[in-house]
Amino acid sequence: LSFAEIQRRLVTDLGGDLSRANSVELTLASGAISM
């Protein structure tokens, strides 16, 4: 959850649109692919 929130804030501050739910989903999916 912490990594997803950091990622969401970075994307938002840089001008993107990323919700908390999508950020958590992205973190879990990319982690599963990496492992």
PDB file of all heavy atoms in Angstrom:
ATOM      1  N   LEU A   1       0.826  -1.212   0.000  1.00  0.00           N
ATOM      2  CA  LEU A   1       0.000   0.000   0.000  1.00  0.00           C
ATOM      3  C   LEU A   1       0.859   1.260   0.000  1.00  0.00           C
ATOM      4  O   LEU A   1       0.530   2.245  -0.671  1.00  0.00           O
ATOM      5  CB  LEU A   1      -0.929  -0.016   1.217  1.00  0.00           C
ATOM      6  CG  LEU A   1      -2.011  -1.099   1.219  1.00  0.00           C
ATOM      7  CD1 LEU A   1      -2.797  -1.069   2.531  1.00  0.00           C
ATOM      8  CD2 LEU A   1      -2.957  -0.933   0.039  1.00  0.00           C
ATOM      9  N   SER A   2       1.964   1.238   0.744  1.00  0.00           N
ATOM     10  CA  SER A   2       2.840   2.416   0.792  1.00  0.00           C
ATOM     11  C   SER A   2       3.491   2.664  -0.560  1.00  0.00           C
ATOM     12  O   SER A   2       3.548   3.806  -1.046  1.00  0.00           O
ATOM     13  CB  SER A   2       3.912   2.223   1.868  1.00  0.00           C
ATOM     14  OG  SER A   2       3.326   2.068   3.135  1.00  0.00           O
ATOM     15  N   PHE A   3       3.986   1.598  -1.197  1.00  0.00           N
ATOM     16  CA  PHE A   3       4.612   1.758  -2.518  1.00  0.00           C
ATOM     17  C   PHE A   3       3.597   2.252  -3.535  1.00  0.00           C
ATOM     18  O   PHE A   3       3.903   3.111  -4.367  1.00  0.00           O
ATOM     19  CB  PHE A   3       5.215   0.433  -2.969  1.00  0.00           C
ATOM     20  CG  PHE A   3       5.990   0.537  -4.254  1.00  0.00           C
ATOM     21  CD1 PHE A   3       7.308   0.948  -4.255  1.00  0.00           C
ATOM     22  CD2 PHE A   3       5.391   0.231  -5.462  1.00  0.00           C
ATOM     23  CE1 PHE A   3       8.022   1.052  -5.441  1.00  0.00           C
ATOM     24  CE2 PHE A   3       6.092   0.335  -6.654  1.00  0.00           C
ATOM     25  CZ  PHE A   3       7.406   0.745  -6.639  1.00  0.00           C
ATOM     26  N   ALA A   4       2.380   1.708  -3.481  1.00  0.00           N
ATOM     27  CA  ALA A   4       1.334   2.141  -4.409  1.00  0.00           C
ATOM     28  C   ALA A   4       0.979   3.610  -4.203  1.00  0.00           C
ATOM     29  O   ALA A   4       0.743   4.349  -5.165  1.00  0.00           O
ATOM     30  CB  ALA A   4       0.096   1.264  -4.238  1.00  0.00           C
ATOM     31  N   GLU A   5       0.945   4.059  -2.940  1.00  0.00           N
ATOM     32  CA  GLU A   5       0.621   5.459  -2.667  1.00  0.00           C
ATOM     33  C   GLU A   5       1.730   6.389  -3.145  1.00  0.00           C
ATOM     34  O   GLU A   5       1.463   7.460  -3.698  1.00  0.00           O
ATOM     35  CB  GLU A   5       0.381   5.653  -1.166  1.00  0.00           C
ATOM     36  CG  GLU A   5       0.041   7.081  -0.759  1.00  0.00           C
ATOM     37  CD  GLU A   5      -1.262   7.583  -1.365  1.00  0.00           C
ATOM     38  OE1 GLU A   5      -2.056   6.742  -1.845  1.00  0.00           O
ATOM     39  OE2 GLU A   5      -1.492   8.806  -1.363  1.00  0.00           O
ATOM     40  N   ILE A   6       2.991   5.985  -2.953  1.00  0.00           N
ATOM     41  CA  ILE A   6       4.104   6.790  -3.463  1.00  0.00           C
ATOM     42  C   ILE A   6       4.022   6.901  -4.977  1.00  0.00           C
ATOM     43  O   ILE A   6       4.184   7.978  -5.563  1.00  0.00           O
ATOM     44  CB  ILE A   6       5.448   6.165  -3.033  1.00  0.00           C
ATOM     45  CG1 ILE A   6       5.657   6.349  -1.531  1.00  0.00           C
ATOM     46  CG2 ILE A   6       6.604   6.786  -3.798  1.00  0.00           C
ATOM     47  CD1 ILE A   6       6.865   5.619  -1.000  1.00  0.00           C
ATOM     48  N   GLN A   7       3.753   5.769  -5.629  1.00  0.00           N
ATOM     49  CA  GLN A   7       3.632   5.764  -7.088  1.00  0.00           C
ATOM     50  C   GLN A   7       2.479   6.649  -7.552  1.00  0.00           C
ATOM     51  O   GLN A   7       2.605   7.412  -8.517  1.00  0.00           O
ATOM     52  CB  GLN A   7       3.423   4.331  -7.567  1.00  0.00           C
ATOM     53  CG  GLN A   7       3.353   4.174  -9.062  1.00  0.00           C
ATOM     54  CD  GLN A   7       3.310   2.721  -9.454  1.00  0.00           C
ATOM     55  OE1 GLN A   7       4.193   2.209 -10.113  1.00  0.00           O
ATOM     56  NE2 GLN A   7       2.262   2.025  -9.033  1.00  0.00           N
ATOM     57  N   ARG A   8       1.340   6.585  -6.858  1.00  0.00           N
ATOM     58  CA  ARG A   8       0.180   7.389  -7.236  1.00  0.00           C
ATOM     59  C   ARG A   8       0.490   8.879  -7.090  1.00  0.00           C
ATOM     60  O   ARG A   8       0.134   9.693  -7.959  1.00  0.00           O
ATOM     61  CB  ARG A   8      -1.021   7.022  -6.367  1.00  0.00           C
ATOM     62  CG  ARG A   8      -2.320   7.709  -6.774  1.00  0.00           C
ATOM     63  CD  ARG A   8      -3.384   7.525  -5.714  1.00  0.00           C
ATOM     64  NE  ARG A   8      -3.080   8.270  -4.502  1.00  0.00           N
ATOM     65  CZ  ARG A   8      -3.326   9.561  -4.355  1.00  0.00           C
ATOM     66  NH1 ARG A   8      -3.883  10.265  -5.340  1.00  0.00           N
ATOM     67  NH2 ARG A   8      -3.026  10.179  -3.228  1.00  0.00           N
ATOM     68  N   ARG A   9       1.153   9.264  -6.001  1.00  0.00           N
ATOM     69  CA  ARG A   9       1.459  10.682  -5.796  1.00  0.00           C
ATOM     70  C   ARG A   9       2.454  11.187  -6.832  1.00  0.00           C
ATOM     71  O   ARG A   9       2.346  12.327  -7.302  1.00  0.00           O
ATOM     72  CB  ARG A   9       2.002  10.892  -4.387  1.00  0.00           C
ATOM     73  CG  ARG A   9       0.962  10.679  -3.299  1.00  0.00           C
ATOM     74  CD  ARG A   9       1.435  11.181  -1.968  1.00  0.00           C
ATOM     75  NE  ARG A   9       0.422  11.019  -0.934  1.00  0.00           N
ATOM     76  CZ  ARG A   9       0.527  11.526   0.285  1.00  0.00           C
ATOM     77  NH1 ARG A   9       1.599  12.227   0.631  1.00  0.00           N
ATOM     78  NH2 ARG A   9      -0.435  11.338   1.178  1.00  0.00           N
ATOM     79  N   LEU A  10       3.434  10.366  -7.183  1.00  0.00           N
ATOM     80  CA  LEU A  10       4.373  10.778  -8.225  1.00  0.00           C
ATOM     81  C   LEU A  10       3.650  11.003  -9.547  1.00  0.00           C
ATOM     82  O   LEU A  10       3.860  12.024 -10.223  1.00  0.00           O
ATOM     83  CB  LEU A  10       5.458   9.708  -8.391  1.00  0.00           C
ATOM     84  CG  LEU A  10       6.558   9.668  -7.336  1.00  0.00           C
ATOM     85  CD1 LEU A  10       7.399   8.411  -7.495  1.00  0.00           C
ATOM     86  CD2 LEU A  10       7.450  10.901  -7.437  1.00  0.00           C
ATOM     87  N   VAL A  11       2.792  10.059  -9.927  1.00  0.00           N
ATOM     88  CA  VAL A  11       2.064  10.183 -11.187  1.00  0.00           C
ATOM     89  C   VAL A  11       1.152  11.405 -11.162  1.00  0.00           C
ATOM     90  O   VAL A  11       1.076  12.172 -12.127  1.00  0.00           O
ATOM     91  CB  VAL A  11       1.251   8.899 -11.459  1.00  0.00           C
ATOM     92  CG1 VAL A  11       0.319   9.084 -12.648  1.00  0.00           C
ATOM     93  CG2 VAL A  11       2.183   7.724 -11.705  1.00  0.00           C
ATOM     94  N   THR A  12       0.458  11.610 -10.048  1.00  0.00           N
ATOM     95  CA  THR A  12      -0.460  12.749  -9.937  1.00  0.00           C
ATOM     96  C   THR A  12       0.294  14.072  -9.997  1.00  0.00           C
ATOM     97  O   THR A  12      -0.118  15.013 -10.684  1.00  0.00           O
ATOM     98  CB  THR A  12      -1.266  12.653  -8.634  1.00  0.00           C
ATOM     99  OG1 THR A  12      -1.982  11.410  -8.608  1.00  0.00           O
ATOM    100  CG2 THR A  12      -2.263  13.787  -8.539  1.00  0.00           C
ATOM    101  N   ASP A  13       1.408  14.165  -9.273  1.00  0.00           N
ATOM    102  CA  ASP A  13       2.183  15.409  -9.273  1.00  0.00           C
ATOM    103  C   ASP A  13       2.793  15.703 -10.634  1.00  0.00           C
ATOM    104  O   ASP A  13       3.052  16.871 -10.964  1.00  0.00           O
ATOM    105  CB  ASP A  13       3.290  15.347  -8.219  1.00  0.00           C
ATOM    106  CG  ASP A  13       2.732  15.393  -6.800  1.00  0.00           C
ATOM    107  OD1 ASP A  13       1.557  15.777  -6.652  1.00  0.00           O
ATOM    108  OD2 ASP A  13       3.465  15.034  -5.862  1.00  0.00           O
ATOM    109  N   LEU A  14       3.042  14.678 -11.426  1.00  0.00           N
ATOM    110  CA  LEU A  14       3.614  14.864 -12.750  1.00  0.00           C
ATOM    111  C   LEU A  14       2.550  15.112 -13.815  1.00  0.00           C
ATOM    112  O   LEU A  14       2.877  15.249 -14.999  1.00  0.00           O
ATOM    113  CB  LEU A  14       4.454  13.645 -13.142  1.00  0.00           C
ATOM    114  CG  LEU A  14       5.760  13.478 -12.360  1.00  0.00           C
ATOM    115  CD1 LEU A  14       6.383  12.116 -12.636  1.00  0.00           C
ATOM    116  CD2 LEU A  14       6.746  14.586 -12.697  1.00  0.00           C
ATOM    117  N   GLY A  15       1.279  15.157 -13.402  1.00  0.00           N
ATOM    118  CA  GLY A  15       0.216  15.491 -14.335  1.00  0.00           C
ATOM    119  C   GLY A  15      -0.627  14.337 -14.809  1.00  0.00           C
ATOM    120  O   GLY A  15      -1.488  14.515 -15.679  1.00  0.00           O
ATOM    121  N   GLY A  16      -0.420  13.138 -14.273  1.00  0.00           N
ATOM    122  CA  GLY A  16      -1.209  11.982 -14.677  1.00  0.00           C
ATOM    123  C   GLY A  16      -2.435  11.795 -13.813  1.00  0.00           C
ATOM    124  O   GLY A  16      -2.658  12.529 -12.841  1.00  0.00           O
ATOM    125  N   ASP A  17      -3.241  10.809 -14.160  1.00  0.00           N
ATOM    126  CA  ASP A  17      -4.474  10.508 -13.437  1.00  0.00           C
ATOM    127  C   ASP A  17      -4.447   9.035 -13.048  1.00  0.00           C
ATOM    128  O   ASP A  17      -4.624   8.149 -13.894  1.00  0.00           O
ATOM    129  CB  ASP A  17      -5.695  10.804 -14.313  1.00  0.00           C
ATOM    130  CG  ASP A  17      -7.004  10.569 -13.566  1.00  0.00           C
ATOM    131  OD1 ASP A  17      -6.967  10.470 -12.327  1.00  0.00           O
ATOM    132  OD2 ASP A  17      -8.066  10.474 -14.221  1.00  0.00           O
ATOM    133  N   LEU A  18      -4.187   8.768 -11.781  1.00  0.00           N
ATOM    134  CA  LEU A  18      -4.081   7.396 -11.287  1.00  0.00           C
ATOM    135  C   LEU A  18      -4.753   7.313  -9.923  1.00  0.00           C
ATOM    136  O   LEU A  18      -4.348   7.995  -8.984  1.00  0.00           O
ATOM    137  CB  LEU A  18      -2.608   6.978 -11.165  1.00  0.00           C
ATOM    138  CG  LEU A  18      -2.332   5.530 -10.732  1.00  0.00           C
ATOM    139  CD1 LEU A  18      -2.873   4.548 -11.767  1.00  0.00           C
ATOM    140  CD2 LEU A  18      -0.838   5.310 -10.513  1.00  0.00           C
ATOM    141  N   SER A  19      -5.785   6.483  -9.824  1.00  0.00           N
ATOM    142  CA  SER A  19      -6.506   6.332  -8.564  1.00  0.00           C
ATOM    143  C   SER A  19      -5.755   5.395  -7.628  1.00  0.00           C
ATOM    144  O   SER A  19      -4.844   4.669  -8.040  1.00  0.00           O
ATOM    145  CB  SER A  19      -7.915   5.790  -8.819  1.00  0.00           C
ATOM    146  OG  SER A  19      -7.845   4.474  -9.341  1.00  0.00           O
ATOM    147  N   ARG A  20      -6.152   5.396  -6.351  1.00  0.00           N
ATOM    148  CA  ARG A  20      -5.503   4.520  -5.376  1.00  0.00           C
ATOM    149  C   ARG A  20      -5.717   3.052  -5.730  1.00  0.00           C
ATOM    150  O   ARG A  20      -4.793   2.233  -5.635  1.00  0.00           O
ATOM    151  CB  ARG A  20      -6.044   4.809  -3.976  1.00  0.00           C
ATOM    152  CG  ARG A  20      -5.510   6.081  -3.351  1.00  0.00           C
ATOM    153  CD  ARG A  20      -5.937   6.229  -1.903  1.00  0.00           C
ATOM    154  NE  ARG A  20      -5.258   7.339  -1.260  1.00  0.00           N
ATOM    155  CZ  ARG A  20      -5.694   8.590  -1.288  1.00  0.00           C
ATOM    156  NH1 ARG A  20      -6.817   8.882  -1.956  1.00  0.00           N
ATOM    157  NH2 ARG A  20      -5.017   9.545  -0.683  1.00  0.00           N
ATOM    158  N   ALA A  21      -6.946   2.703  -6.132  1.00  0.00           N
ATOM    159  CA  ALA A  21      -7.233   1.310  -6.471  1.00  0.00           C
ATOM    160  C   ALA A  21      -6.401   0.849  -7.672  1.00  0.00           C
ATOM    161  O   ALA A  21      -5.830  -0.249  -7.666  1.00  0.00           O
ATOM    162  CB  ALA A  21      -8.724   1.135  -6.755  1.00  0.00           C
ATOM    163  N   ASN A  22      -6.314   1.682  -8.684  1.00  0.00           N
ATOM    164  CA  ASN A  22      -5.516   1.321  -9.861  1.00  0.00           C
ATOM    165  C   ASN A  22      -4.035   1.255  -9.546  1.00  0.00           C
ATOM    166  O   ASN A  22      -3.305   0.435 -10.113  1.00  0.00           O
ATOM    167  CB  ASN A  22      -5.762   2.332 -10.988  1.00  0.00           C
ATOM    168  CG  ASN A  22      -7.128   2.183 -11.613  1.00  0.00           C
ATOM    169  OD1 ASN A  22      -7.736   1.112 -11.557  1.00  0.00           O
ATOM    170  ND2 ASN A  22      -7.627   3.256 -12.199  1.00  0.00           N
ATOM    171  N   SER A  23      -3.576   2.100  -8.637  1.00  0.00           N
ATOM    172  CA  SER A  23      -2.169   2.063  -8.258  1.00  0.00           C
ATOM    173  C   SER A  23      -1.835   0.784  -7.508  1.00  0.00           C
ATOM    174  O   SER A  23      -0.784   0.163  -7.733  1.00  0.00           O
ATOM    175  CB  SER A  23      -1.821   3.286  -7.402  1.00  0.00           C
ATOM    176  OG  SER A  23      -0.446   3.313  -7.105  1.00  0.00           O
ATOM    177  N   VAL A  24      -2.728   0.358  -6.601  1.00  0.00           N
ATOM    178  CA  VAL A  24      -2.515  -0.907  -5.888  1.00  0.00           C
ATOM    179  C   VAL A  24      -2.544  -2.073  -6.871  1.00  0.00           C
ATOM    180  O   VAL A  24      -1.712  -2.989  -6.812  1.00  0.00           O
ATOM    181  CB  VAL A  24      -3.583  -1.086  -4.792  1.00  0.00           C
ATOM    182  CG1 VAL A  24      -3.489  -2.484  -4.183  1.00  0.00           C
ATOM    183  CG2 VAL A  24      -3.411  -0.031  -3.712  1.00  0.00           C
ATOM    184  N   GLU A  25      -3.503  -2.046  -7.803  1.00  0.00           N
ATOM    185  CA  GLU A  25      -3.585  -3.102  -8.805  1.00  0.00           C
ATOM    186  C   GLU A  25      -2.319  -3.162  -9.646  1.00  0.00           C
ATOM    187  O   GLU A  25      -1.781  -4.246  -9.919  1.00  0.00           O
ATOM    188  CB  GLU A  25      -4.800  -2.853  -9.702  1.00  0.00           C
ATOM    189  CG  GLU A  25      -4.932  -3.843 -10.847  1.00  0.00           C
ATOM    190  CD  GLU A  25      -5.958  -3.406 -11.863  1.00  0.00           C
ATOM    191  OE1 GLU A  25      -6.696  -2.435 -11.599  1.00  0.00           O
ATOM    192  OE2 GLU A  25      -6.010  -4.029 -12.943  1.00  0.00           O
ATOM    193  N   LEU A  26      -1.822  -1.998 -10.056  1.00  0.00           N
ATOM    194  CA  LEU A  26      -0.596  -1.937 -10.854  1.00  0.00           C
ATOM    195  C   LEU A  26       0.593  -2.466 -10.061  1.00  0.00           C
ATOM    196  O   LEU A  26       1.431  -3.209 -10.599  1.00  0.00           O
ATOM    197  CB  LEU A  26      -0.346  -0.501 -11.297  1.00  0.00           C
ATOM    198  CG  LEU A  26       0.970  -0.210 -12.021  1.00  0.00           C
ATOM    199  CD1 LEU A  26       1.095  -1.072 -13.261  1.00  0.00           C
ATOM    200  CD2 LEU A  26       1.066   1.268 -12.384  1.00  0.00           C
ATOM    201  N   THR A  27       0.695  -2.123  -8.793  1.00  0.00           N
ATOM    202  CA  THR A  27       1.804  -2.590  -7.968  1.00  0.00           C
ATOM    203  C   THR A  27       1.780  -4.109  -7.826  1.00  0.00           C
ATOM    204  O   THR A  27       2.816  -4.778  -7.967  1.00  0.00           O
ATOM    205  CB  THR A  27       1.733  -1.937  -6.576  1.00  0.00           C
ATOM    206  OG1 THR A  27       1.806  -0.517  -6.723  1.00  0.00           O
ATOM    207  CG2 THR A  27       2.869  -2.405  -5.694  1.00  0.00           C
ATOM    208  N   LEU A  28       0.605  -4.681  -7.552  1.00  0.00           N
ATOM    209  CA  LEU A  28       0.491  -6.130  -7.398  1.00  0.00           C
ATOM    210  C   LEU A  28       0.779  -6.852  -8.712  1.00  0.00           C
ATOM    211  O   LEU A  28       1.487  -7.871  -8.739  1.00  0.00           O
ATOM    212  CB  LEU A  28      -0.903  -6.486  -6.887  1.00  0.00           C
ATOM    213  CG  LEU A  28      -1.232  -6.046  -5.456  1.00  0.00           C
ATOM    214  CD1 LEU A  28      -2.690  -6.340  -5.132  1.00  0.00           C
ATOM    215  CD2 LEU A  28      -0.327  -6.747  -4.452  1.00  0.00           C
ATOM    216  N   ALA A  29       0.233  -6.329  -9.814  1.00  0.00           N
ATOM    217  CA  ALA A  29       0.412  -6.994 -11.108  1.00  0.00           C
ATOM    218  C   ALA A  29       1.866  -6.957 -11.560  1.00  0.00           C
ATOM    219  O   ALA A  29       2.428  -7.978 -11.977  1.00  0.00           O
ATOM    220  CB  ALA A  29      -0.488  -6.345 -12.150  1.00  0.00           C
ATOM    221  N   SER A  30       2.494  -5.789 -11.477  1.00  0.00           N
ATOM    222  CA  SER A  30       3.893  -5.692 -11.902  1.00  0.00           C
ATOM    223  C   SER A  30       4.809  -6.512 -11.001  1.00  0.00           C
ATOM    224  O   SER A  30       5.767  -7.135 -11.487  1.00  0.00           O
ATOM    225  CB  SER A  30       4.334  -4.224 -11.912  1.00  0.00           C
ATOM    226  OG  SER A  30       4.244  -3.662 -10.610  1.00  0.00           O
ATOM    227  N   GLY A  31       4.507  -6.565  -9.699  1.00  0.00           N
ATOM    228  CA  GLY A  31       5.292  -7.397  -8.810  1.00  0.00           C
ATOM    229  C   GLY A  31       5.145  -8.872  -9.124  1.00  0.00           C
ATOM    230  O   GLY A  31       6.130  -9.632  -9.099  1.00  0.00           O
ATOM    231  N   ALA A  32       3.922  -9.309  -9.438  1.00  0.00           N
ATOM    232  CA  ALA A  32       3.701 -10.711  -9.787  1.00  0.00           C
ATOM    233  C   ALA A  32       4.429 -11.074 -11.074  1.00  0.00           C
ATOM    234  O   ALA A  32       5.039 -12.147 -11.182  1.00  0.00           O
ATOM    235  CB  ALA A  32       2.200 -10.969  -9.938  1.00  0.00           C
ATOM    236  N   ILE A  33       4.398 -10.167 -12.067  1.00  0.00           N
ATOM    237  CA  ILE A  33       5.109 -10.424 -13.322  1.00  0.00           C
ATOM    238  C   ILE A  33       6.609 -10.508 -13.077  1.00  0.00           C
ATOM    239  O   ILE A  33       7.301 -11.389 -13.610  1.00  0.00           O
ATOM    240  CB  ILE A  33       4.785  -9.317 -14.346  1.00  0.00           C
ATOM    241  CG1 ILE A  33       3.314  -9.398 -14.765  1.00  0.00           C
ATOM    242  CG2 ILE A  33       5.687  -9.419 -15.569  1.00  0.00           C
ATOM    243  CD1 ILE A  33       2.859  -8.240 -15.627  1.00  0.00           C
ATOM    244  N   SER A  34       7.141  -9.609 -12.254  1.00  0.00           N
ATOM    245  CA  SER A  34       8.580  -9.594 -11.983  1.00  0.00           C
ATOM    246  C   SER A  34       9.042 -10.861 -11.289  1.00  0.00           C
ATOM    247  O   SER A  34      10.140 -11.363 -11.561  1.00  0.00           O
ATOM    248  CB  SER A  34       8.934  -8.372 -11.130  1.00  0.00           C
ATOM    249  OG  SER A  34       8.601  -7.179 -11.794  1.00  0.00           O
ATOM    250  N   MET A  35       8.203 -11.407 -10.405  1.00  0.00           N
ATOM    251  CA  MET A  35       8.606 -12.591  -9.644  1.00  0.00           C
ATOM    252  C   MET A  35       8.328 -13.897 -10.380  1.00  0.00           C
ATOM    253  O   MET A  35       9.018 -14.896 -10.160  1.00  0.00           O
ATOM    254  CB  MET A  35       7.884 -12.603  -8.293  1.00  0.00           C
ATOM    255  CG  MET A  35       8.339 -11.528  -7.330  1.00  0.00           C
ATOM    256  SD  MET A  35       7.564 -11.664  -5.710  1.00  0.00           S
ATOM    257  CE  MET A  35       5.866 -11.222  -6.113  1.00  0.00           C
TER     258      MET A  35
END
